[in-house]
């Protein structure tokens, strides 16, 4: 029984998948934890882009 446990512990197949899943899990946890901060940042970013877009409508057309 102890030998089977040692063999299972030393098995490395699928470890890459486990590592990727752990990284994704950590990123999701960070996003959930900081969701309000991220939401405020995106809202400010988008609202700051609107005046820039309106300003670009006032520019004269460039003819090639």
PDB file of N, CA and C in Angstrom:
ATOM      1  N   UNK A   1       0.829  -1.195   0.000  1.00  0.00           N
ATOM      2  CA  UNK A   1       0.000   0.000   0.000  1.00  0.00           C
ATOM      3  C   UNK A   1       0.870   1.254   0.000  1.00  0.00           C
ATOM      4  N   UNK A   2       1.898   1.268   0.821  1.00  0.00           N
ATOM      5  CA  UNK A   2       2.807   2.407   0.891  1.00  0.00           C
ATOM      6  C   UNK A   2       3.508   2.610  -0.447  1.00  0.00           C
ATOM      7  N   UNK A   3       3.818   1.509  -1.118  1.00  0.00           N
ATOM      8  CA  UNK A   3       4.475   1.576  -2.419  1.00  0.00           C
ATOM      9  C   UNK A   3       3.558   2.234  -3.456  1.00  0.00           C
ATOM     10  N   UNK A   4       2.262   1.923  -3.414  1.00  0.00           N
ATOM     11  CA  UNK A   4       1.306   2.523  -4.346  1.00  0.00           C
ATOM     12  C   UNK A   4       1.175   4.025  -4.101  1.00  0.00           C
ATOM     13  N   UNK A   5       1.205   4.426  -2.854  1.00  0.00           N
ATOM     14  CA  UNK A   5       1.123   5.851  -2.523  1.00  0.00           C
ATOM     15  C   UNK A   5       2.351   6.583  -3.040  1.00  0.00           C
ATOM     16  N   UNK A   6       3.529   6.004  -2.875  1.00  0.00           N
ATOM     17  CA  UNK A   6       4.757   6.618  -3.382  1.00  0.00           C
ATOM     18  C   UNK A   6       4.722   6.739  -4.898  1.00  0.00           C
ATOM     19  N   UNK A   7       4.241   5.694  -5.559  1.00  0.00           N
ATOM     20  CA  UNK A   7       4.150   5.712  -7.020  1.00  0.00           C
ATOM     21  C   UNK A   7       3.173   6.797  -7.480  1.00  0.00           C
ATOM     22  N   UNK A   8       2.029   6.903  -6.814  1.00  0.00           N
ATOM     23  CA  UNK A   8       1.048   7.927  -7.160  1.00  0.00           C
ATOM     24  C   UNK A   8       1.619   9.324  -6.950  1.00  0.00           C
ATOM     25  N   UNK A   9       2.359   9.519  -5.880  1.00  0.00           N
ATOM     26  CA  UNK A   9       2.928  10.826  -5.555  1.00  0.00           C
ATOM     27  C   UNK A   9       3.974  11.237  -6.583  1.00  0.00           C
ATOM     28  N   UNK A  10       4.712  10.277  -7.122  1.00  0.00           N
ATOM     29  CA  UNK A  10       5.774  10.571  -8.079  1.00  0.00           C
ATOM     30  C   UNK A  10       5.257  10.670  -9.514  1.00  0.00           C
ATOM     31  N   UNK A  11       4.024  10.297  -9.741  1.00  0.00           N
ATOM     32  CA  UNK A  11       3.423  10.372 -11.079  1.00  0.00           C
ATOM     33  C   UNK A  11       3.344  11.833 -11.518  1.00  0.00           C
ATOM     34  N   UNK A  12       3.850  12.143 -12.716  1.00  0.00           N
ATOM     35  CA  UNK A  12       3.879  13.524 -13.180  1.00  0.00           C
ATOM     36  C   UNK A  12       3.006  13.766 -14.408  1.00  0.00           C
ATOM     37  N   UNK A  13       2.312  12.768 -14.889  1.00  0.00           N
ATOM     38  CA  UNK A  13       1.437  12.972 -16.036  1.00  0.00           C
ATOM     39  C   UNK A  13       0.280  13.882 -15.648  1.00  0.00           C
ATOM     40  N   UNK A  14      -0.005  14.848 -16.498  1.00  0.00           N
ATOM     41  CA  UNK A  14      -1.109  15.761 -16.242  1.00  0.00           C
ATOM     42  C   UNK A  14      -0.767  16.922 -15.333  1.00  0.00           C
ATOM     43  N   UNK A  15       0.481  17.019 -14.900  1.00  0.00           N
ATOM     44  CA  UNK A  15       0.849  18.112 -14.007  1.00  0.00           C
ATOM     45  C   UNK A  15       0.767  19.460 -14.710  1.00  0.00           C
ATOM     46  N   UNK A  16       1.060  19.497 -16.012  1.00  0.00           N
ATOM     47  CA  UNK A  16       0.942  20.750 -16.753  1.00  0.00           C
ATOM     48  C   UNK A  16      -0.481  21.269 -16.736  1.00  0.00           C
ATOM     49  N   UNK A  17      -1.430  20.368 -16.889  1.00  0.00           N
ATOM     50  CA  UNK A  17      -2.841  20.749 -16.859  1.00  0.00           C
ATOM     51  C   UNK A  17      -3.230  21.263 -15.481  1.00  0.00           C
ATOM     52  N   UNK A  18      -2.755  20.605 -14.458  1.00  0.00           N
ATOM     53  CA  UNK A  18      -3.060  21.032 -13.088  1.00  0.00           C
ATOM     54  C   UNK A  18      -2.475  22.415 -12.829  1.00  0.00           C
ATOM     55  N   UNK A  19      -1.262  22.658 -13.306  1.00  0.00           N
ATOM     56  CA  UNK A  19      -0.633  23.964 -13.112  1.00  0.00           C
ATOM     57  C   UNK A  19      -1.421  25.061 -13.819  1.00  0.00           C
ATOM     58  N   UNK A  20      -1.850  24.800 -15.051  1.00  0.00           N
ATOM     59  CA  UNK A  20      -2.633  25.788 -15.793  1.00  0.00           C
ATOM     60  C   UNK A  20      -3.956  26.064 -15.080  1.00  0.00           C
ATOM     61  N   UNK A  21      -4.618  25.020 -14.603  1.00  0.00           N
ATOM     62  CA  UNK A  21      -5.881  25.204 -13.883  1.00  0.00           C
ATOM     63  C   UNK A  21      -5.685  26.005 -12.597  1.00  0.00           C
ATOM     64  N   UNK A  22      -4.574  25.780 -11.920  1.00  0.00           N
ATOM     65  CA  UNK A  22      -4.293  26.543 -10.704  1.00  0.00           C
ATOM     66  C   UNK A  22      -4.064  28.019 -11.031  1.00  0.00           C
ATOM     67  N   UNK A  23      -3.340  28.301 -12.110  1.00  0.00           N
ATOM     68  CA  UNK A  23      -3.099  29.687 -12.515  1.00  0.00           C
ATOM     69  C   UNK A  23      -4.419  30.364 -12.879  1.00  0.00           C
ATOM     70  N   UNK A  24      -5.255  29.680 -13.647  1.00  0.00           N
ATOM     71  CA  UNK A  24      -6.561  30.236 -14.023  1.00  0.00           C
ATOM     72  C   UNK A  24      -7.405  30.481 -12.777  1.00  0.00           C
ATOM     73  N   UNK A  25      -7.370  29.557 -11.844  1.00  0.00           N
ATOM     74  CA  UNK A  25      -8.124  29.722 -10.603  1.00  0.00           C
ATOM     75  C   UNK A  25      -7.670  30.934  -9.804  1.00  0.00           C
ATOM     76  N   UNK A  26      -6.369  31.141  -9.741  1.00  0.00           N
ATOM     77  CA  UNK A  26      -5.838  32.307  -9.021  1.00  0.00           C
ATOM     78  C   UNK A  26      -6.256  33.596  -9.725  1.00  0.00           C
ATOM     79  N   UNK A  27      -6.181  33.618 -11.059  1.00  0.00           N
ATOM     80  CA  UNK A  27      -6.586  34.812 -11.804  1.00  0.00           C
ATOM     81  C   UNK A  27      -8.073  35.116 -11.620  1.00  0.00           C
ATOM     82  N   UNK A  28      -8.897  34.093 -11.616  1.00  0.00           N
ATOM     83  CA  UNK A  28     -10.333  34.291 -11.390  1.00  0.00           C
ATOM     84  C   UNK A  28     -10.575  34.808  -9.975  1.00  0.00           C
ATOM     85  N   UNK A  29      -9.870  34.259  -9.004  1.00  0.00           N
ATOM     86  CA  UNK A  29     -10.028  34.715  -7.620  1.00  0.00           C
ATOM     87  C   UNK A  29      -9.622  36.181  -7.478  1.00  0.00           C
ATOM     88  N   UNK A  30      -8.541  36.583  -8.134  1.00  0.00           N
ATOM     89  CA  UNK A  30      -8.106  37.980  -8.094  1.00  0.00           C
ATOM     90  C   UNK A  30      -9.150  38.874  -8.751  1.00  0.00           C
ATOM     91  N   UNK A  31      -9.680  38.444  -9.899  1.00  0.00           N
ATOM     92  CA  UNK A  31     -10.696  39.238 -10.595  1.00  0.00           C
ATOM     93  C   UNK A  31     -11.955  39.392  -9.744  1.00  0.00           C
ATOM     94  N   UNK A  32     -12.359  38.335  -9.065  1.00  0.00           N
ATOM     95  CA  UNK A  32     -13.547  38.407  -8.203  1.00  0.00           C
ATOM     96  C   UNK A  32     -13.276  39.315  -7.010  1.00  0.00           C
ATOM     97  N   UNK A  33     -12.096  39.214  -6.442  1.00  0.00           N
ATOM     98  CA  UNK A  33     -11.749  40.015  -5.268  1.00  0.00           C
ATOM     99  C   UNK A  33     -11.701  41.508  -5.606  1.00  0.00           C
ATOM    100  N   UNK A  34     -11.162  41.842  -6.787  1.00  0.00           N
ATOM    101  CA  UNK A  34     -11.005  43.238  -7.185  1.00  0.00           C
ATOM    102  C   UNK A  34     -12.052  43.680  -8.209  1.00  0.00           C
ATOM    103  N   UNK A  35     -13.193  43.020  -8.262  1.00  0.00           N
ATOM    104  CA  UNK A  35     -14.176  43.310  -9.309  1.00  0.00           C
ATOM    105  C   UNK A  35     -14.690  44.743  -9.250  1.00  0.00           C
ATOM    106  N   UNK A  36     -14.876  45.291  -8.069  1.00  0.00           N
ATOM    107  CA  UNK A  36     -15.359  46.672  -7.964  1.00  0.00           C
ATOM    108  C   UNK A  36     -14.308  47.650  -8.477  1.00  0.00           C
ATOM    109  N   UNK A  37     -13.069  47.425  -8.123  1.00  0.00           N
ATOM    110  CA  UNK A  37     -11.987  48.288  -8.588  1.00  0.00           C
ATOM    111  C   UNK A  37     -11.832  48.194 -10.099  1.00  0.00           C
ATOM    112  N   UNK A  38     -11.914  46.993 -10.630  1.00  0.00           N
ATOM    113  CA  UNK A  38     -11.805  46.797 -12.076  1.00  0.00           C
ATOM    114  C   UNK A  38     -12.982  47.468 -12.775  1.00  0.00           C
ATOM    115  N   UNK A  39     -14.175  47.355 -12.208  1.00  0.00           N
ATOM    116  CA  UNK A  39     -15.365  47.972 -12.792  1.00  0.00           C
ATOM    117  C   UNK A  39     -15.221  49.493 -12.849  1.00  0.00           C
ATOM    118  N   UNK A  40     -14.739  50.102 -11.777  1.00  0.00           N
ATOM    119  CA  UNK A  40     -14.537  51.553 -11.747  1.00  0.00           C
ATOM    120  C   UNK A  40     -13.494  51.958 -12.783  1.00  0.00           C
ATOM    121  N   UNK A  41     -12.416  51.205 -12.879  1.00  0.00           N
ATOM    122  CA  UNK A  41     -11.351  51.516 -13.835  1.00  0.00           C
ATOM    123  C   UNK A  41     -11.867  51.467 -15.273  1.00  0.00           C
ATOM    124  N   UNK A  42     -12.624  50.422 -15.603  1.00  0.00           N
ATOM    125  CA  UNK A  42     -13.157  50.284 -16.966  1.00  0.00           C
ATOM    126  C   UNK A  42     -14.164  51.395 -17.250  1.00  0.00           C
ATOM    127  N   UNK A  43     -14.997  51.739 -16.280  1.00  0.00           N
ATOM    128  CA  UNK A  43     -15.978  52.810 -16.465  1.00  0.00           C
ATOM    129  C   UNK A  43     -15.283  54.136 -16.737  1.00  0.00           C
ATOM    130  N   UNK A  44     -14.242  54.445 -15.982  1.00  0.00           N
ATOM    131  CA  UNK A  44     -13.489  55.680 -16.213  1.00  0.00           C
ATOM    132  C   UNK A  44     -12.801  55.662 -17.572  1.00  0.00           C
ATOM    133  N   UNK A  45     -12.278  54.524 -17.944  1.00  0.00           N
ATOM    134  CA  UNK A  45     -11.601  54.398 -19.229  1.00  0.00           C
ATOM    135  C   UNK A  45     -12.570  54.646 -20.380  1.00  0.00           C
ATOM    136  N   UNK A  46     -13.747  54.052 -20.305  1.00  0.00           N
ATOM    137  CA  UNK A  46     -14.740  54.205 -21.368  1.00  0.00           C
ATOM    138  C   UNK A  46     -15.301  55.622 -21.380  1.00  0.00           C
ATOM    139  N   UNK A  47     -15.584  56.185 -20.220  1.00  0.00           N
ATOM    140  CA  UNK A  47     -16.133  57.545 -20.184  1.00  0.00           C
ATOM    141  C   UNK A  47     -15.097  58.571 -20.635  1.00  0.00           C
ATOM    142  N   UNK A  48     -13.825  58.286 -20.435  1.00  0.00           N
ATOM    143  CA  UNK A  48     -12.776  59.173 -20.931  1.00  0.00           C
ATOM    144  C   UNK A  48     -12.612  59.076 -22.433  1.00  0.00           C
ATOM    145  N   UNK A  49     -12.971  57.960 -23.001  1.00  0.00           N
ATOM    146  CA  UNK A  49     -12.849  57.778 -24.447  1.00  0.00           C
ATOM    147  C   UNK A  49     -13.963  58.505 -25.186  1.00  0.00           C
ATOM    148  N   UNK A  50     -15.127  58.658 -24.576  1.00  0.00           N
ATOM    149  CA  UNK A  50     -16.257  59.295 -25.247  1.00  0.00           C
ATOM    150  C   UNK A  50     -15.950  60.741 -25.649  1.00  0.00           C
ATOM    151  N   UNK A  51     -15.424  61.596 -24.757  1.00  0.00           N
ATOM    152  CA  UNK A  51     -15.092  62.960 -25.195  1.00  0.00           C
ATOM    153  C   UNK A  51     -14.026  62.978 -26.299  1.00  0.00           C
ATOM    154  N   UNK A  52     -13.096  62.045 -26.242  1.00  0.00           N
ATOM    155  CA  UNK A  52     -12.068  61.991 -27.284  1.00  0.00           C
ATOM    156  C   UNK A  52     -12.688  61.637 -28.630  1.00  0.00           C
ATOM    157  N   UNK A  53     -13.671  60.760 -28.617  1.00  0.00           N
ATOM    158  CA  UNK A  53     -14.359  60.399 -29.861  1.00  0.00           C
ATOM    159  C   UNK A  53     -15.170  61.586 -30.369  1.00  0.00           C
ATOM    160  N   UNK A  54     -15.856  62.281 -29.473  1.00  0.00           N
ATOM    161  CA  UNK A  54     -16.627  63.457 -29.876  1.00  0.00           C
ATOM    162  C   UNK A  54     -15.710  64.533 -30.447  1.00  0.00           C
ATOM    163  N   UNK A  55     -14.546  64.698 -29.847  1.00  0.00           N
ATOM    164  CA  UNK A  55     -13.581  65.689 -30.308  1.00  0.00           C
ATOM    165  C   UNK A  55     -13.058  65.321 -31.693  1.00  0.00           C
ATOM    166  N   UNK A  56     -12.877  64.040 -31.944  1.00  0.00           N
ATOM    167  CA  UNK A  56     -12.361  63.620 -33.246  1.00  0.00           C
ATOM    168  C   UNK A  56     -13.384  63.848 -34.352  1.00  0.00           C
ATOM    169  N   UNK A  57     -14.671  63.914 -34.013  1.00  0.00           N
ATOM    170  CA  UNK A  57     -15.699  64.209 -35.015  1.00  0.00           C
ATOM    171  C   UNK A  57     -15.601  65.650 -35.511  1.00  0.00           C
ATOM    172  N   UNK A  58     -15.017  66.534 -34.706  1.00  0.00           N
ATOM    173  CA  UNK A  58     -14.907  67.942 -35.069  1.00  0.00           C
ATOM    174  C   UNK A  58     -13.712  68.224 -35.978  1.00  0.00           C
ATOM    175  N   UNK A  59     -12.840  67.262 -36.174  1.00  0.00           N
ATOM    176  CA  UNK A  59     -11.658  67.468 -37.004  1.00  0.00           C
ATOM    177  C   UNK A  59     -12.048  67.528 -38.477  1.00  0.00           C
ATOM    178  N   UNK A  60     -11.322  68.320 -39.262  1.00  0.00           N
ATOM    179  CA  UNK A  60     -11.622  68.368 -40.695  1.00  0.00           C
ATOM    180  C   UNK A  60     -11.238  67.061 -41.377  1.00  0.00           C
ATOM    181  N   UNK A  61     -11.910  66.768 -42.487  1.00  0.00           N
ATOM    182  CA  UNK A  61     -11.614  65.547 -43.231  1.00  0.00           C
ATOM    183  C   UNK A  61     -10.281  65.696 -43.949  1.00  0.00           C
ATOM    184  N   UNK A  62      -9.548  64.618 -44.011  1.00  0.00           N
ATOM    185  CA  UNK A  62      -8.277  64.595 -44.721  1.00  0.00           C
ATOM    186  C   UNK A  62      -8.526  63.961 -46.077  1.00  0.00           C
ATOM    187  N   UNK A  63      -8.157  64.691 -47.135  1.00  0.00           N
ATOM    188  CA  UNK A  63      -8.341  64.187 -48.491  1.00  0.00           C
ATOM    189  C   UNK A  63      -6.985  63.777 -49.021  1.00  0.00           C
ATOM    190  N   UNK A  64      -6.890  62.572 -49.537  1.00  0.00           N
ATOM    191  CA  UNK A  64      -5.616  62.086 -50.084  1.00  0.00           C
ATOM    192  C   UNK A  64      -5.551  62.333 -51.549  1.00  0.00           C
TER     193      UNK A  64
END
